[in-house]
N, C-alpha and C. Protein backbone atom coordinates (compact mmCIF):
# COMPACT_ATOMS: atom_id res chain seq x y z
N MET A 1 76.65 95.55 149.69
CA MET A 1 77.32 96.64 148.99
C MET A 1 78.05 96.06 147.78
N SER A 2 77.94 96.69 146.62
CA SER A 2 78.57 96.17 145.42
C SER A 2 80.04 96.57 145.36
N GLU A 3 80.79 95.69 144.75
CA GLU A 3 82.23 95.90 144.61
C GLU A 3 82.47 96.83 143.41
N LYS A 4 83.26 97.87 143.61
CA LYS A 4 83.56 98.78 142.50
C LYS A 4 84.60 98.12 141.60
N LYS A 5 84.27 98.04 140.33
CA LYS A 5 85.20 97.43 139.38
C LYS A 5 85.70 98.51 138.43
N SER A 6 86.89 98.30 137.96
CA SER A 6 87.49 99.29 137.07
C SER A 6 88.25 98.59 135.94
N TYR A 7 88.86 99.41 135.12
CA TYR A 7 89.65 98.90 134.00
C TYR A 7 91.13 98.89 134.37
N ARG A 8 91.77 97.81 134.02
CA ARG A 8 93.21 97.63 134.28
C ARG A 8 94.00 98.40 133.22
N PRO A 9 94.92 99.28 133.61
CA PRO A 9 95.77 99.97 132.63
C PRO A 9 96.69 98.97 131.93
N ASN A 10 96.76 99.09 130.63
CA ASN A 10 97.41 98.06 129.82
C ASN A 10 98.05 98.72 128.61
N VAL A 11 99.08 98.09 128.10
CA VAL A 11 99.72 98.52 126.87
C VAL A 11 99.60 97.36 125.88
N ALA A 12 99.38 97.68 124.61
CA ALA A 12 99.25 96.66 123.58
C ALA A 12 100.03 97.09 122.34
N MET A 13 100.56 96.08 121.63
CA MET A 13 101.41 96.38 120.48
C MET A 13 100.99 95.59 119.24
N ILE A 14 100.88 96.31 118.14
CA ILE A 14 100.75 95.66 116.84
C ILE A 14 102.17 95.62 116.29
N VAL A 15 102.71 94.41 116.21
CA VAL A 15 104.12 94.23 115.84
C VAL A 15 104.20 93.84 114.36
N MET A 16 104.85 94.68 113.59
CA MET A 16 105.06 94.41 112.17
C MET A 16 106.40 93.70 112.00
N SER A 17 106.47 92.85 110.97
CA SER A 17 107.74 92.17 110.71
C SER A 17 108.80 93.19 110.29
N ASN A 18 110.05 92.75 110.22
CA ASN A 18 111.12 93.66 109.83
C ASN A 18 111.10 93.97 108.33
N LYS A 19 110.13 93.40 107.61
CA LYS A 19 109.97 93.69 106.18
C LYS A 19 109.06 94.90 105.94
N TYR A 20 108.49 95.44 107.02
CA TYR A 20 107.63 96.61 106.93
C TYR A 20 108.44 97.81 106.44
N PRO A 21 107.97 98.67 105.58
CA PRO A 21 106.62 98.81 105.04
C PRO A 21 106.38 98.05 103.73
N LYS A 22 107.43 97.42 103.16
CA LYS A 22 107.22 96.69 101.90
C LYS A 22 106.17 95.60 102.06
N LYS A 23 106.27 94.85 103.16
CA LYS A 23 105.28 93.81 103.47
C LYS A 23 104.62 94.17 104.78
N LYS A 24 103.32 94.13 104.79
CA LYS A 24 102.58 94.48 106.01
C LYS A 24 102.14 93.20 106.71
N GLU A 25 103.11 92.56 107.36
CA GLU A 25 102.88 91.31 108.09
C GLU A 25 102.80 91.62 109.58
N ILE A 26 101.69 91.19 110.20
CA ILE A 26 101.43 91.47 111.61
C ILE A 26 101.65 90.21 112.44
N PHE A 27 102.36 90.38 113.54
CA PHE A 27 102.58 89.30 114.50
C PHE A 27 101.29 89.06 115.29
N ILE A 28 100.90 87.80 115.38
CA ILE A 28 99.77 87.41 116.22
C ILE A 28 100.14 86.10 116.89
N ALA A 29 99.75 85.95 118.16
CA ALA A 29 100.16 84.78 118.93
C ALA A 29 98.96 84.11 119.59
N GLN A 30 99.09 82.79 119.73
CA GLN A 30 98.05 81.98 120.36
C GLN A 30 98.34 81.86 121.84
N ARG A 31 97.37 82.23 122.66
CA ARG A 31 97.53 82.13 124.12
C ARG A 31 97.66 80.67 124.53
N ASN A 32 98.45 80.42 125.55
CA ASN A 32 98.60 79.04 126.00
C ASN A 32 97.59 78.66 127.08
N ASP A 33 96.78 79.61 127.54
CA ASP A 33 95.80 79.31 128.58
C ASP A 33 94.36 79.25 128.08
N PHE A 34 94.12 79.68 126.85
CA PHE A 34 92.78 79.61 126.26
C PHE A 34 92.92 79.10 124.83
N ASN A 35 92.26 77.99 124.54
CA ASN A 35 92.33 77.42 123.19
C ASN A 35 91.76 78.39 122.17
N ASP A 36 92.42 78.47 121.05
CA ASP A 36 91.97 79.29 119.92
C ASP A 36 91.83 80.78 120.21
N VAL A 37 92.52 81.29 121.20
CA VAL A 37 92.54 82.73 121.43
C VAL A 37 93.88 83.26 120.93
N TRP A 38 93.80 84.07 119.88
CA TRP A 38 94.98 84.70 119.29
C TRP A 38 94.90 86.19 119.60
N GLN A 39 96.06 86.79 119.83
CA GLN A 39 96.07 88.20 120.18
C GLN A 39 97.42 88.84 119.87
N PHE A 40 97.41 90.18 119.98
CA PHE A 40 98.65 90.95 119.91
C PHE A 40 99.30 90.91 121.29
N PRO A 41 100.62 91.11 121.36
CA PRO A 41 101.26 91.21 122.67
C PRO A 41 100.65 92.37 123.47
N GLN A 42 100.48 92.16 124.75
CA GLN A 42 99.91 93.19 125.61
C GLN A 42 100.23 92.86 127.05
N GLY A 43 100.04 93.83 127.93
CA GLY A 43 100.25 93.55 129.34
C GLY A 43 100.00 94.75 130.21
N GLY A 44 99.87 94.50 131.48
CA GLY A 44 99.58 95.54 132.45
C GLY A 44 100.72 96.52 132.62
N ILE A 45 100.34 97.72 132.98
CA ILE A 45 101.31 98.78 133.27
C ILE A 45 101.48 98.81 134.79
N ASP A 46 102.70 98.62 135.25
CA ASP A 46 102.98 98.61 136.68
C ASP A 46 102.87 100.01 137.27
N ALA A 47 102.57 100.09 138.56
CA ALA A 47 102.49 101.37 139.25
C ALA A 47 103.80 102.14 139.08
N GLY A 48 103.69 103.39 138.68
CA GLY A 48 104.86 104.24 138.50
C GLY A 48 105.61 104.03 137.20
N GLU A 49 105.16 103.11 136.38
CA GLU A 49 105.84 102.80 135.12
C GLU A 49 105.29 103.68 134.00
N GLU A 50 106.18 104.19 133.18
CA GLU A 50 105.78 104.95 131.99
C GLU A 50 105.22 104.00 130.95
N VAL A 51 104.33 104.49 130.10
CA VAL A 51 103.67 103.65 129.10
C VAL A 51 104.67 102.99 128.16
N GLN A 52 105.61 103.76 127.60
CA GLN A 52 106.59 103.17 126.69
C GLN A 52 107.52 102.20 127.40
N GLU A 53 107.84 102.48 128.63
CA GLU A 53 108.64 101.56 129.43
C GLU A 53 107.91 100.22 129.57
N ALA A 54 106.61 100.27 129.84
CA ALA A 54 105.79 99.06 129.94
C ALA A 54 105.74 98.33 128.60
N MET A 55 105.66 99.08 127.53
CA MET A 55 105.61 98.47 126.19
C MET A 55 106.86 97.63 125.94
N PHE A 56 108.04 98.20 126.17
CA PHE A 56 109.28 97.47 125.94
C PHE A 56 109.41 96.27 126.88
N ARG A 57 109.02 96.45 128.15
CA ARG A 57 109.08 95.35 129.11
C ARG A 57 108.16 94.21 128.69
N GLU A 58 106.94 94.53 128.31
CA GLU A 58 105.98 93.50 127.91
C GLU A 58 106.43 92.77 126.65
N LEU A 59 106.99 93.49 125.70
CA LEU A 59 107.50 92.82 124.49
C LEU A 59 108.57 91.80 124.86
N GLU A 60 109.49 92.21 125.72
CA GLU A 60 110.56 91.28 126.11
C GLU A 60 109.99 90.09 126.89
N GLU A 61 109.03 90.34 127.78
CA GLU A 61 108.44 89.26 128.57
C GLU A 61 107.62 88.29 127.72
N GLU A 62 106.94 88.80 126.69
CA GLU A 62 106.03 87.96 125.92
C GLU A 62 106.61 87.38 124.64
N ILE A 63 107.47 88.15 123.95
CA ILE A 63 108.00 87.64 122.67
C ILE A 63 109.52 87.58 122.65
N GLY A 64 110.14 87.84 123.80
CA GLY A 64 111.58 87.64 123.93
C GLY A 64 112.45 88.69 123.29
N THR A 65 111.87 89.81 122.87
CA THR A 65 112.69 90.89 122.32
C THR A 65 112.02 92.23 122.55
N LYS A 66 112.86 93.24 122.73
CA LYS A 66 112.36 94.61 122.77
C LYS A 66 113.01 95.42 121.66
N LYS A 67 113.59 94.70 120.70
CA LYS A 67 114.26 95.34 119.56
C LYS A 67 113.22 95.73 118.51
N VAL A 68 112.55 96.85 118.79
CA VAL A 68 111.52 97.36 117.89
C VAL A 68 111.70 98.86 117.71
N LYS A 69 111.14 99.35 116.63
CA LYS A 69 111.08 100.78 116.39
C LYS A 69 109.61 101.17 116.44
N ILE A 70 109.29 102.21 117.21
CA ILE A 70 107.91 102.69 117.28
C ILE A 70 107.59 103.43 115.99
N ILE A 71 106.52 102.99 115.33
CA ILE A 71 106.06 103.64 114.10
C ILE A 71 105.00 104.68 114.42
N ALA A 72 104.05 104.31 115.28
CA ALA A 72 102.96 105.21 115.62
C ALA A 72 102.33 104.78 116.93
N GLU A 73 101.57 105.71 117.50
CA GLU A 73 100.85 105.46 118.75
C GLU A 73 99.39 105.84 118.53
N TYR A 74 98.48 104.98 118.97
CA TYR A 74 97.07 105.30 118.89
C TYR A 74 96.82 106.49 119.83
N PRO A 75 96.10 107.53 119.37
CA PRO A 75 96.03 108.77 120.15
C PRO A 75 95.23 108.72 121.45
N GLU A 76 94.43 107.69 121.66
CA GLU A 76 93.58 107.64 122.84
C GLU A 76 93.76 106.31 123.57
N TRP A 77 93.25 106.26 124.78
CA TRP A 77 93.11 105.00 125.51
C TRP A 77 91.84 104.35 125.00
N ILE A 78 91.85 103.04 124.85
CA ILE A 78 90.68 102.32 124.34
C ILE A 78 90.42 101.12 125.26
N SER A 79 89.16 100.87 125.57
CA SER A 79 88.83 99.86 126.58
C SER A 79 87.95 98.75 126.04
N TYR A 80 88.01 97.62 126.73
CA TYR A 80 87.10 96.50 126.47
C TYR A 80 86.81 95.78 127.77
N ASP A 81 85.68 95.08 127.80
CA ASP A 81 85.29 94.29 128.96
C ASP A 81 85.74 92.85 128.78
N PHE A 82 86.11 92.22 129.88
CA PHE A 82 86.45 90.80 129.85
C PHE A 82 85.18 89.96 129.73
N PRO A 83 85.25 88.83 129.01
CA PRO A 83 84.13 87.88 129.09
C PRO A 83 84.11 87.28 130.51
N SER A 84 82.98 86.72 130.91
CA SER A 84 82.81 86.27 132.30
C SER A 84 83.87 85.27 132.75
N LYS A 85 84.28 84.34 131.89
CA LYS A 85 85.27 83.33 132.33
C LYS A 85 86.64 83.95 132.61
N ILE A 86 86.95 85.05 131.95
CA ILE A 86 88.22 85.74 132.20
C ILE A 86 88.07 86.73 133.36
N ALA A 87 86.91 87.37 133.44
CA ALA A 87 86.67 88.37 134.49
C ALA A 87 86.86 87.77 135.88
N LYS A 88 86.48 86.51 136.05
CA LYS A 88 86.63 85.84 137.36
C LYS A 88 88.09 85.80 137.79
N LYS A 89 89.00 85.61 136.82
CA LYS A 89 90.44 85.53 137.12
C LYS A 89 91.07 86.91 137.33
N MET A 90 90.42 87.94 136.79
CA MET A 90 91.03 89.27 136.75
C MET A 90 90.45 90.25 137.77
N LYS A 91 89.72 89.75 138.76
CA LYS A 91 89.13 90.64 139.77
C LYS A 91 90.20 91.51 140.39
N PRO A 92 89.96 92.76 140.67
CA PRO A 92 88.68 93.46 140.67
C PRO A 92 88.36 94.16 139.35
N TYR A 93 89.10 93.84 138.29
CA TYR A 93 88.91 94.55 137.02
C TYR A 93 87.79 93.95 136.19
N LYS A 94 87.04 94.83 135.54
CA LYS A 94 85.98 94.36 134.63
C LYS A 94 86.47 94.33 133.19
N GLY A 95 87.65 94.88 132.95
CA GLY A 95 88.22 94.91 131.61
C GLY A 95 89.56 95.62 131.62
N GLN A 96 89.99 96.01 130.44
CA GLN A 96 91.27 96.69 130.32
C GLN A 96 91.10 97.97 129.52
N THR A 97 91.87 98.97 129.88
CA THR A 97 91.98 100.18 129.08
C THR A 97 93.41 100.19 128.56
N GLN A 98 93.54 100.33 127.24
CA GLN A 98 94.83 100.09 126.61
C GLN A 98 95.35 101.29 125.83
N LYS A 99 96.66 101.39 125.81
CA LYS A 99 97.36 102.32 124.93
C LYS A 99 98.04 101.46 123.88
N TYR A 100 97.74 101.71 122.61
CA TYR A 100 98.25 100.89 121.51
C TYR A 100 99.42 101.57 120.80
N PHE A 101 100.38 100.71 120.43
CA PHE A 101 101.52 101.15 119.63
C PHE A 101 101.62 100.27 118.40
N LEU A 102 102.01 100.87 117.29
CA LEU A 102 102.37 100.14 116.08
C LEU A 102 103.89 100.17 116.05
N VAL A 103 104.50 98.99 116.06
CA VAL A 103 105.96 98.89 116.10
C VAL A 103 106.45 97.96 114.99
N LYS A 104 107.70 98.15 114.64
CA LYS A 104 108.36 97.31 113.63
C LYS A 104 109.54 96.61 114.27
N LEU A 105 109.65 95.31 114.04
CA LEU A 105 110.82 94.58 114.52
C LEU A 105 112.07 95.09 113.80
N LYS A 106 113.14 95.28 114.54
CA LYS A 106 114.41 95.67 113.93
C LYS A 106 114.99 94.45 113.22
N LYS A 107 115.87 94.69 112.28
CA LYS A 107 116.45 93.62 111.46
C LYS A 107 117.06 92.49 112.30
N ASN A 108 117.71 92.85 113.41
CA ASN A 108 118.40 91.84 114.23
C ASN A 108 117.52 91.26 115.34
N ALA A 109 116.24 91.57 115.34
CA ALA A 109 115.34 91.06 116.39
C ALA A 109 114.98 89.60 116.12
N THR A 110 114.95 88.81 117.18
CA THR A 110 114.56 87.41 117.10
C THR A 110 113.42 87.17 118.08
N ILE A 111 112.34 86.62 117.59
CA ILE A 111 111.19 86.32 118.46
C ILE A 111 111.41 84.97 119.14
N ASP A 112 111.17 84.95 120.44
CA ASP A 112 111.26 83.71 121.23
C ASP A 112 110.12 83.73 122.24
N ILE A 113 109.07 82.95 121.97
CA ILE A 113 107.92 82.93 122.88
C ILE A 113 108.14 82.01 124.07
N ASN A 114 109.26 81.30 124.10
CA ASN A 114 109.59 80.44 125.24
C ASN A 114 110.35 81.25 126.28
N THR A 115 109.66 82.24 126.81
CA THR A 115 110.25 83.14 127.80
C THR A 115 110.18 82.50 129.19
N SER A 116 110.61 83.22 130.21
CA SER A 116 110.60 82.65 131.57
C SER A 116 109.18 82.36 132.07
N HIS A 117 108.20 83.10 131.59
CA HIS A 117 106.79 82.84 131.92
C HIS A 117 105.99 82.88 130.61
N PRO A 118 106.06 81.83 129.81
CA PRO A 118 105.42 81.84 128.48
C PRO A 118 103.91 82.08 128.55
N GLU A 119 103.46 82.99 127.69
CA GLU A 119 102.03 83.27 127.58
C GLU A 119 101.45 82.73 126.27
N PHE A 120 102.34 82.42 125.33
CA PHE A 120 101.91 81.98 124.02
C PHE A 120 102.44 80.59 123.70
N SER A 121 101.65 79.85 122.93
CA SER A 121 102.07 78.51 122.50
C SER A 121 102.46 78.48 121.03
N ASN A 122 102.07 79.49 120.30
CA ASN A 122 102.35 79.54 118.86
C ASN A 122 102.27 80.98 118.40
N PHE A 123 102.89 81.28 117.27
CA PHE A 123 102.76 82.61 116.68
C PHE A 123 102.96 82.52 115.18
N LYS A 124 102.50 83.55 114.50
CA LYS A 124 102.74 83.67 113.06
C LYS A 124 102.57 85.11 112.64
N PHE A 125 103.01 85.39 111.43
CA PHE A 125 102.80 86.69 110.83
C PHE A 125 101.71 86.55 109.78
N VAL A 126 100.74 87.45 109.83
CA VAL A 126 99.58 87.37 108.94
C VAL A 126 99.27 88.76 108.40
N ASN A 127 98.38 88.81 107.41
CA ASN A 127 97.96 90.13 106.92
C ASN A 127 96.91 90.71 107.86
N VAL A 128 96.54 91.95 107.64
CA VAL A 128 95.62 92.66 108.52
C VAL A 128 94.29 91.92 108.67
N GLU A 129 93.71 91.49 107.56
CA GLU A 129 92.41 90.82 107.60
C GLU A 129 92.47 89.52 108.40
N GLU A 130 93.54 88.75 108.21
CA GLU A 130 93.70 87.50 108.97
C GLU A 130 93.83 87.79 110.46
N ALA A 131 94.57 88.83 110.82
CA ALA A 131 94.73 89.18 112.23
C ALA A 131 93.37 89.48 112.86
N LEU A 132 92.53 90.20 112.13
CA LEU A 132 91.21 90.51 112.66
C LEU A 132 90.34 89.26 112.78
N CYS A 133 90.41 88.38 111.80
CA CYS A 133 89.61 87.14 111.83
C CYS A 133 90.05 86.20 112.94
N MET A 134 91.33 86.17 113.25
CA MET A 134 91.88 85.24 114.22
C MET A 134 91.76 85.73 115.66
N SER A 135 91.55 87.02 115.83
CA SER A 135 91.58 87.58 117.19
C SER A 135 90.36 87.16 118.01
N ALA A 136 90.53 87.20 119.31
CA ALA A 136 89.44 86.84 120.23
C ALA A 136 88.25 87.75 120.01
N SER A 137 87.06 87.18 120.05
CA SER A 137 85.84 87.93 119.75
C SER A 137 85.69 89.15 120.64
N PHE A 138 86.05 89.05 121.92
CA PHE A 138 85.85 90.18 122.82
C PHE A 138 86.86 91.31 122.60
N LYS A 139 87.89 91.06 121.77
CA LYS A 139 88.87 92.10 121.46
C LYS A 139 88.69 92.65 120.05
N GLN A 140 87.84 92.05 119.25
CA GLN A 140 87.75 92.41 117.84
C GLN A 140 87.37 93.87 117.59
N GLU A 141 86.45 94.42 118.37
CA GLU A 141 86.06 95.82 118.14
C GLU A 141 87.22 96.77 118.39
N VAL A 142 87.98 96.50 119.44
CA VAL A 142 89.16 97.32 119.73
C VAL A 142 90.17 97.18 118.59
N TYR A 143 90.45 95.94 118.18
CA TYR A 143 91.40 95.70 117.10
C TYR A 143 90.96 96.42 115.83
N LYS A 144 89.68 96.31 115.48
CA LYS A 144 89.16 96.97 114.27
C LYS A 144 89.33 98.48 114.35
N THR A 145 89.02 99.06 115.51
CA THR A 145 89.13 100.51 115.69
C THR A 145 90.57 100.97 115.54
N VAL A 146 91.49 100.29 116.19
CA VAL A 146 92.90 100.68 116.16
C VAL A 146 93.48 100.48 114.75
N ILE A 147 93.18 99.36 114.13
CA ILE A 147 93.69 99.09 112.79
C ILE A 147 93.10 100.09 111.78
N LYS A 148 91.82 100.40 111.91
CA LYS A 148 91.20 101.40 111.02
C LYS A 148 91.93 102.73 111.13
N HIS A 149 92.26 103.13 112.35
CA HIS A 149 93.00 104.38 112.55
C HIS A 149 94.37 104.33 111.86
N PHE A 150 95.12 103.25 112.09
CA PHE A 150 96.45 103.16 111.49
C PHE A 150 96.37 103.07 109.97
N LYS A 151 95.31 102.47 109.42
CA LYS A 151 95.11 102.47 107.97
C LYS A 151 94.84 103.88 107.47
N LYS A 152 93.94 104.59 108.15
CA LYS A 152 93.59 105.96 107.76
C LYS A 152 94.82 106.86 107.76
N GLU A 153 95.71 106.63 108.70
CA GLU A 153 96.93 107.43 108.80
C GLU A 153 98.01 106.98 107.80
N GLY A 154 97.74 105.90 107.04
CA GLY A 154 98.67 105.45 106.01
C GLY A 154 99.72 104.46 106.47
N TYR A 155 99.60 103.94 107.69
CA TYR A 155 100.59 103.01 108.21
C TYR A 155 100.31 101.56 107.81
N LEU A 156 99.05 101.21 107.64
CA LEU A 156 98.69 99.84 107.29
C LEU A 156 97.91 99.81 105.97
């Protein structure tokens, strides 16, 4: 009998620097468990947790701050499949279904990736095109779709 696999509910954030909208600098971070995998902050939504509640919790857990202002929310859930080497670690899930937010760091926000359970080894702020080029190949279609939407809406 085959094992039923599903998508893990997840929240993801495109974090703009506090210079937004004058400068459109996007936060991107290098994972500490996979070489050359750069991504936006993201994480699972706990049972009973509201999506925005998960967003703020994940930001604090991954980048050490939840001092952000929500600019926009992607209107739909969007999914991707894990590559095989990641899928083995993430059983029973075959991928993630995500709710995306575009957020801006508040003036007094300080990023600290050396959290209690660090997920990132490095980070930087880049332009939209660089963020797309640096992102993991299996996430690129999702990133392109979400960024295209935020561009169309005039945010990026």
